Protein backbone atom coordinates (compact mmCIF):
# COMPACT_ATOMS: atom_id res chain seq x y z
CA MET A 1 70.65 61.43 152.26
CA ILE A 2 73.60 61.66 149.88
CA GLY A 3 74.85 64.95 147.78
CA ILE A 4 73.02 65.87 144.68
CA VAL A 5 76.27 65.78 142.43
CA GLN A 6 77.08 62.36 143.96
CA ALA A 7 73.57 61.22 142.65
CA PHE A 8 74.70 61.54 139.38
CA ALA A 9 76.70 59.38 136.75
CA PRO A 10 79.07 59.86 134.09
CA THR A 11 78.06 56.35 132.10
CA TYR A 12 75.50 54.18 132.38
CA ALA A 13 76.86 51.31 133.86
CA ARG A 14 77.83 53.61 136.93
CA ALA A 15 74.22 55.06 136.46
CA ARG A 16 72.56 51.63 136.85
CA THR A 17 75.14 50.42 140.02
CA GLN A 18 74.01 53.52 141.73
CA PHE A 19 70.60 52.75 141.57
CA LEU A 20 70.71 49.19 142.06
CA GLU A 21 72.73 50.19 145.61
CA ALA A 22 70.30 52.84 146.55
CA ALA A 23 67.45 50.00 146.32
CA ALA A 24 69.20 47.66 147.84
CA THR A 25 69.69 50.00 150.54
CA ALA A 26 66.66 51.05 150.80
CA SER A 27 65.89 46.83 151.15
CA LEU A 28 63.67 47.36 148.41
CA PRO A 29 63.01 44.11 145.73
CA ILE A 30 64.30 44.96 142.58
CA GLU A 31 63.00 43.58 138.87
CA SER A 32 65.17 43.52 136.47
CA HIS A 33 64.42 43.20 132.62
CA ARG A 34 67.30 42.09 130.47
CA HIS A 35 68.06 43.74 127.15
CA PRO A 36 69.60 40.90 124.40
CA LEU A 37 72.34 43.16 123.68
CA LEU A 38 75.66 44.86 125.36
CA GLY A 39 76.44 48.59 125.94
CA ARG A 40 78.74 50.56 124.83
CA ASP A 41 81.65 49.42 127.34
CA GLY A 42 80.35 45.50 126.73
CA GLU A 43 78.40 46.23 130.14
CA ASP A 44 74.86 44.49 130.92
CA LEU A 45 71.86 46.44 130.09
CA ALA A 46 68.79 46.19 131.77
CA MET A 47 65.68 47.98 132.69
CA ASP A 48 65.25 47.51 136.12
CA VAL A 49 62.09 48.52 137.89
CA VAL A 50 61.82 49.32 142.48
CA ARG A 51 58.76 50.03 143.98
CA ASP A 52 58.37 51.97 146.99
CA GLY A 53 55.60 52.20 149.13
CA PRO A 54 52.69 49.61 150.80
CA PRO A 55 51.24 47.17 148.81
CA ASP A 56 47.89 48.71 149.32
CA ALA A 57 48.38 52.30 148.57
CA ASP A 58 45.94 54.13 147.37
CA LYS A 59 48.18 56.18 144.73
CA LEU A 60 50.82 55.41 142.66
CA LEU A 61 53.77 57.81 141.75
CA ILE A 62 55.79 56.63 138.68
CA VAL A 63 59.30 57.76 137.78
CA SER A 64 60.89 56.71 135.02
CA SER A 65 64.28 58.05 133.23
CA GLY A 66 66.02 56.95 129.81
CA CYS A 67 62.67 56.78 127.88
CA HIS A 68 65.42 59.33 125.42
CA GLY A 69 68.06 56.82 126.21
CA VAL A 70 70.88 59.69 126.69
CA GLU A 71 68.63 61.65 128.94
CA GLY A 72 69.01 58.89 131.71
CA PHE A 73 71.59 60.45 133.32
CA CYS A 74 69.29 63.40 134.64
CA GLY A 75 66.70 61.31 135.11
CA SER A 76 68.80 58.22 136.77
CA GLY A 77 70.35 61.01 139.45
CA VAL A 78 67.14 62.02 140.35
CA GLN A 79 65.76 58.54 141.38
CA VAL A 80 68.83 57.80 142.97
CA PHE A 81 69.11 60.64 144.98
CA ALA A 82 64.95 60.29 145.71
CA LEU A 83 66.08 56.08 147.18
CA HIS A 84 68.22 57.86 149.42
CA ASP A 85 66.35 60.70 150.50
CA ASP A 86 64.34 59.07 154.19
CA ALA A 87 62.41 62.28 154.49
CA TRP A 88 60.93 62.20 150.72
CA ARG A 89 60.61 58.76 151.22
CA GLU A 90 58.37 59.14 154.37
CA GLN A 91 56.35 61.63 153.62
CA ALA A 92 55.08 59.65 150.50
CA ARG A 93 54.65 57.12 152.48
CA ALA A 94 52.44 59.19 154.78
CA ALA A 95 50.33 60.35 152.00
CA GLY A 96 49.82 56.72 150.91
CA VAL A 97 51.56 56.96 147.82
CA ALA A 98 53.62 54.02 146.94
CA VAL A 99 56.50 55.48 144.41
CA LEU A 100 57.72 52.99 141.12
CA TYR A 101 60.94 53.82 139.49
CA VAL A 102 61.68 52.14 136.76
CA HIS A 103 64.96 53.01 135.86
CA ALA A 104 66.69 53.13 132.16
CA LEU A 105 63.54 52.60 129.73
CA ASN A 106 65.83 52.62 127.09
CA PRO A 107 69.18 51.24 128.09
CA TYR A 108 70.78 50.93 124.70
CA GLY A 109 70.56 54.42 123.82
CA PHE A 110 71.75 55.63 127.45
CA SER A 111 74.36 53.20 127.45
CA HIS A 112 75.22 54.46 123.24
CA LEU A 113 74.63 58.02 123.98
CA ARG A 114 71.45 57.95 121.25
CA ARG A 115 68.02 59.13 122.10
CA THR A 116 66.74 55.68 119.91
CA THR A 117 66.80 52.57 120.88
CA HIS A 118 68.55 49.55 119.07
CA GLU A 119 66.03 49.50 116.57
CA ASN A 120 66.14 53.13 115.79
CA VAL A 121 62.82 53.81 117.52
CA ASP A 122 62.18 56.74 119.47
CA LEU A 123 60.39 55.86 122.45
CA ASN A 124 58.96 59.06 123.18
CA ARG A 125 57.36 59.14 119.78
CA ASN A 126 55.78 55.82 119.66
CA PHE A 127 53.28 56.43 122.21
CA GLN A 128 50.15 54.06 120.65
CA ASP A 129 47.04 52.37 121.51
CA PHE A 130 48.01 48.82 120.19
CA SER A 131 44.26 47.54 121.18
CA LYS A 132 43.09 49.95 118.03
CA PRO A 133 44.18 50.48 114.63
CA LEU A 134 47.45 52.05 114.50
CA PRO A 135 47.66 55.70 112.25
CA VAL A 136 47.99 55.72 108.97
CA ASN A 137 51.00 58.17 107.33
CA ALA A 138 49.96 57.82 103.74
CA GLY A 139 52.36 60.86 103.33
CA TYR A 140 55.38 59.00 104.78
CA ARG A 141 54.39 56.01 102.56
CA GLU A 142 54.70 58.30 99.31
CA ILE A 143 58.38 59.57 100.46
CA ALA A 144 59.66 56.22 102.17
CA ALA A 145 61.35 55.08 99.02
CA LEU A 146 63.01 58.32 98.56
CA LEU A 147 64.27 57.98 102.30
CA LEU A 148 65.39 54.84 102.53
CA PRO A 149 66.41 54.15 98.24
CA GLU A 150 67.51 50.69 97.45
CA GLU A 151 70.39 51.76 95.91
CA TRP A 152 72.94 53.21 98.38
CA PRO A 153 73.94 56.40 98.11
CA PRO A 154 71.18 57.53 96.70
CA ASN A 155 71.23 57.78 92.89
CA ALA A 156 70.87 60.67 90.28
CA ASP A 157 67.04 59.33 89.47
CA ASN A 158 66.35 59.32 93.61
CA GLN A 159 67.83 62.84 93.87
CA ALA A 160 65.78 64.39 91.53
CA ALA A 161 62.82 62.40 92.87
CA VAL A 162 63.66 64.22 96.07
CA GLN A 163 63.96 67.65 94.39
CA HIS A 164 61.10 67.44 92.17
CA TYR A 165 59.09 66.38 95.38
CA LEU A 166 60.49 69.91 97.56
CA ALA A 167 60.00 71.90 94.37
CA THR A 168 55.91 70.92 94.14
CA LYS A 169 55.16 70.44 97.68
CA GLY A 170 57.35 71.94 99.78
CA GLU A 171 59.46 71.00 102.62
CA ALA A 172 56.61 71.34 105.10
CA ALA A 173 54.85 68.49 103.35
CA TRP A 174 58.10 66.72 103.33
CA GLN A 175 58.75 67.05 107.42
CA ALA A 176 54.95 66.95 108.04
CA ALA A 177 55.38 63.38 105.88
CA ARG A 178 58.97 62.42 107.96
CA ALA A 179 57.49 62.59 111.19
CA GLY A 180 54.07 61.88 110.89
CA VAL A 181 52.68 64.73 112.37
CA PRO A 182 49.14 65.90 110.86
CA VAL A 183 48.96 69.32 109.47
CA VAL A 184 46.55 71.47 107.93
CA LEU A 185 47.83 74.31 106.00
CA HIS A 186 45.77 77.37 105.30
CA GLU A 187 46.73 79.47 102.14
CA MET A 188 45.63 82.75 101.72
CA ARG A 189 46.73 82.64 97.92
CA PRO A 190 45.65 82.90 95.05
CA LYS A 191 42.44 84.09 96.41
CA VAL A 192 44.33 87.10 98.13
CA GLY A 193 47.92 87.90 96.71
CA THR A 194 50.51 90.36 98.17
CA ASP A 195 52.84 92.77 96.27
CA ALA A 196 55.68 90.39 97.56
CA HIS A 197 54.28 86.99 95.75
CA LYS A 198 54.43 86.77 92.21
CA THR A 199 52.71 83.12 92.10
CA GLY A 200 49.75 81.62 94.41
CA GLY A 201 52.20 78.24 95.06
CA PHE A 202 52.76 77.45 99.07
CA ALA A 203 55.91 78.49 100.52
CA GLU A 204 56.94 80.96 97.92
CA LEU A 205 60.18 82.39 98.91
CA VAL A 206 59.90 86.13 98.43
CA CYS A 207 63.14 87.95 100.28
CA SER A 208 66.78 87.92 99.11
CA ASN A 209 67.66 88.25 103.11
CA SER A 210 66.62 85.15 104.78
CA PHE A 211 69.71 84.07 106.29
CA ARG A 212 70.85 87.57 106.41
CA SER A 213 71.26 86.78 110.75
CA ASP A 214 71.76 84.02 113.03
CA ASP A 215 71.27 85.20 116.06
CA ALA A 216 68.36 83.44 118.04
CA ASP A 217 68.19 86.18 120.52
CA GLN A 218 68.57 89.40 119.08
CA SER A 219 66.83 88.71 115.88
CA ALA A 220 63.47 87.33 114.33
CA VAL A 221 64.59 86.33 111.43
CA GLY A 222 67.88 84.37 113.85
CA LEU A 223 64.70 82.34 115.78
CA LEU A 224 63.09 81.16 112.60
CA HIS A 225 66.50 79.96 111.66
CA TRP A 226 66.78 78.20 115.29
CA GLU A 227 62.81 76.74 115.05
CA MET A 228 63.79 74.91 111.45
CA ARG A 229 67.11 73.37 112.44
CA ALA A 230 64.95 72.18 115.67
CA ALA A 231 62.17 70.87 113.11
CA GLY A 232 65.18 69.25 111.27
CA SER A 233 65.16 71.74 108.18
CA LEU A 234 66.70 70.23 105.08
CA ILE A 235 66.79 74.03 104.46
CA MET A 236 69.08 74.60 107.39
CA ALA A 237 71.03 71.53 107.76
CA THR A 238 71.83 72.34 103.49
CA ALA A 239 72.65 76.13 104.19
CA ASP A 240 74.44 75.48 107.47
CA ARG A 241 76.75 72.99 105.65
CA LEU A 242 77.39 75.29 102.57
CA LEU A 243 78.26 77.96 104.97
CA GLN A 244 80.57 75.97 107.12
CA ASN A 245 82.13 74.39 103.71
CA GLN A 246 83.67 78.10 103.30
CA VAL A 247 84.58 78.03 106.90
CA ASP A 248 86.17 74.61 106.08
CA ILE A 249 87.98 75.91 102.52
CA ALA A 250 90.29 79.20 104.14
CA ASP A 251 91.00 76.88 107.48
CA ALA A 252 92.94 74.53 104.87
CA VAL A 253 94.60 77.34 103.70
CA ARG A 254 95.17 79.28 107.53
CA PRO A 255 98.36 77.71 108.44
CA PHE A 256 100.43 78.97 105.14
CA TYR A 257 98.71 82.37 104.75
CA GLY A 258 97.71 83.41 108.77
CA ASP A 259 94.46 84.58 110.67
CA ALA A 260 93.56 87.49 108.59
CA ALA A 261 93.94 86.01 105.31
CA ALA A 262 92.03 83.11 106.32
CA ASP A 263 89.13 85.49 107.41
CA GLN A 264 88.91 87.50 104.40
CA LEU A 265 88.53 84.38 102.53
CA THR A 266 85.80 83.25 104.82
CA THR A 267 83.83 86.37 104.16
CA LEU A 268 84.22 86.34 100.22
CA LEU A 269 83.14 82.90 100.07
CA GLN A 270 80.46 83.31 102.17
CA GLU A 271 79.27 86.39 100.04
CA HIS A 272 79.74 83.99 97.55
CA ILE A 273 76.89 81.61 99.23
CA THR A 274 74.36 84.26 100.19
CA GLY A 275 74.52 86.14 96.97
CA ALA A 276 73.85 82.78 95.52
CA VAL A 277 70.46 82.46 97.26
CA ALA A 278 69.80 86.54 96.43
CA VAL A 279 70.04 85.15 92.61
CA LEU A 280 67.99 82.37 93.12
CA SER A 281 65.29 84.22 95.68
CA ALA A 282 65.08 87.06 92.59
CA ALA A 283 64.89 84.53 89.43
CA LYS A 284 61.96 82.41 91.77
CA ALA A 285 60.19 85.76 92.19
CA GLY A 286 60.27 86.58 88.51
CA ASP A 287 61.92 89.80 89.37
CA SER A 288 64.21 90.61 86.25
CA ASP A 289 65.87 93.48 88.01
CA ALA A 290 66.73 92.19 91.39
CA LEU A 291 68.01 89.16 89.39
CA ASN A 292 70.25 91.22 87.35
CA GLN A 293 71.41 93.28 90.20
CA ALA A 294 72.33 90.17 92.19
CA VAL A 295 73.95 88.01 89.43
CA THR A 296 76.16 91.29 88.59
CA ALA A 297 76.94 90.90 92.40
CA GLU A 298 77.77 87.48 91.98
CA TYR A 299 80.07 87.56 89.09
CA ALA A 300 81.82 90.79 91.06
CA ASN A 301 82.60 88.26 94.24
CA ALA A 302 84.19 85.64 92.05
CA THR A 303 86.53 88.11 90.42
CA ALA A 304 87.17 89.57 93.95
CA ILE A 305 88.04 86.12 95.38
CA GLY A 306 89.96 85.34 92.22
CA ASP A 307 91.83 88.13 92.97
CA PHE A 308 91.80 87.65 96.73
CA LEU A 309 93.94 84.37 95.77
CA ALA A 310 96.58 85.93 92.99
CA ASP A 311 97.97 88.41 95.56
CA ALA A 312 98.44 85.52 98.05
CA ASN A 313 100.46 83.36 95.88
CA PRO A 314 101.08 85.44 92.43
CA ALA A 315 103.98 82.99 91.48
CA ASN A 316 101.36 80.28 90.64
CA TRP A 317 97.94 81.50 90.52
CA ASP A 318 97.97 84.05 87.42
CA LYS A 319 95.24 86.68 87.96
CA ALA A 320 93.33 86.63 85.17
CA ASP A 321 93.47 82.46 85.24
CA MET A 322 92.14 82.80 88.39
CA GLU A 323 89.23 85.27 87.44
CA ALA A 324 88.34 83.09 84.86
CA MET A 325 88.38 79.91 86.90
CA MET A 326 85.90 81.84 89.17
CA THR A 327 83.86 82.77 86.62
CA MET A 328 83.70 79.54 84.84
CA HIS A 329 82.12 77.90 88.18
CA ILE A 330 79.29 81.26 88.33
CA ASP A 331 78.46 80.31 84.45
CA GLN A 332 78.35 76.68 85.45
CA THR A 333 76.51 77.31 88.86
CA LEU A 334 73.79 79.52 86.89
CA VAL A 335 73.10 76.53 84.31
CA TYR A 336 72.14 74.02 86.78
CA ALA A 337 70.65 76.50 89.07
CA THR A 338 68.70 77.26 86.29
CA ASN A 339 67.79 73.75 85.31
CA MET A 340 66.65 73.54 88.84
CA LEU A 341 63.38 76.70 89.27
CA GLN A 342 62.46 74.85 85.55
CA GLY A 343 61.81 71.78 87.09
CA ASP A 344 64.30 70.36 85.00
CA TYR A 345 66.07 68.04 87.77
CA ALA A 346 67.43 65.48 85.58
CA GLN A 347 69.21 67.85 83.67
CA ALA A 348 70.22 69.83 86.77
CA ILE A 349 72.01 67.36 88.36
CA ALA A 350 73.59 66.05 85.02
CA ASN A 351 74.86 69.59 84.53
CA TYR A 352 75.63 70.01 88.10
CA GLY A 353 78.12 66.79 87.39
CA VAL A 354 80.09 69.23 84.69
CA ALA A 355 80.20 71.81 87.68
CA GLU A 356 81.52 69.41 90.13
CA ALA A 357 84.23 68.28 87.81
CA HIS A 358 85.40 72.02 87.54
CA MET A 359 85.33 72.47 90.96
CA LEU A 360 87.68 69.51 91.17
CA GLU A 361 90.30 71.04 89.03
CA MET A 362 89.77 74.56 90.76
CA ALA A 363 90.96 71.77 93.76
CA ASP A 364 94.03 71.02 92.15
CA MET A 365 95.05 73.78 90.39
CA LEU A 366 95.11 75.63 94.15
CA SER A 367 96.90 72.33 95.86
CA ALA A 368 99.51 72.54 93.43
CA GLY A 369 99.78 76.61 93.89
CA VAL A 370 99.95 76.01 97.55
CA ILE A 371 102.54 72.97 97.19
CA ALA A 372 104.64 74.94 94.90
CA GLN A 373 105.07 78.43 96.89
CA PHE A 374 105.65 76.27 100.33
CA PRO A 375 107.44 72.93 99.23
CA ASP A 376 109.64 72.66 102.66
CA GLN A 377 105.89 72.21 104.05
CA PHE A 378 104.91 68.65 101.59
CA THR A 379 106.88 65.39 101.34
CA ALA A 380 106.86 63.59 98.26
């Protein structure tokens, strides 16, 4: 027997070597099925099969590893340890059980540290009876051209089509179609309404604080975030990227203005994003009072960001210019957001282009200010 730690390996190549050595030590025949490609480090790839036990055993236990390639490290360690465990092997024989070890069902994924095969197939999601007609995912056929457009990166028409699908059918339908999961949706509205809901549509967003907490252990909202991320939620991916953008922006100026200022800027910028959620939630719900309050708060946040920048670099970032720059950003954001809510996705993309051009001008203005304030830290 070997120690538990010794059974585990840091790479596929080492894991395979340990498995083959364990089988050879046990004097067991090895059947190897070579993979057509090489591994990450140029090593040979194979699915190796070893049978331990009498050929006429009444029962067969199959122990496989690496169905999800990158998870093979754990399974391989179990197999190697078992092959070195004489007591376990004898107990299996005495019970009339033969053991079939299948090492690295997906050797390519094992070596390249990915779940899928070289053909991007998730073996654990592809258990089908190919002697029968394969299941039909009509939903996927509807979005296939959106997921894999002929032009890459996707053009404005593709983005507009994706937004239209999400707006009219919801993310749940998108995820179900993408994953091929049969889903039956039950909706009490419009037959039975609530005070919070304003429409009869599926998945209506009815609160502005859906992103208030990300603590999956202490908050129901945080747990919902975790579940949505695990399911590959487009909403959460977008929200996470937006909030991370604000951290990245603040980190870019951290070397110049220090940690305290960078942390304050992160807070202001993330409030800008969550404030936009409040604006959209109120607008979608048709709550004019909440909308006015949210828009007012968003402009106040823009002014606070402008004032923060001006205080950090008064010689190069005039306060009036900073406030006007941030106010223009809110103005333009409201325009394309309104287009989105009205279902005019093509116009939304066009107006976003205008806003994006202004954001690039903002970036140039801020970059020039940093360079002017700290000329010794930049080279021509």
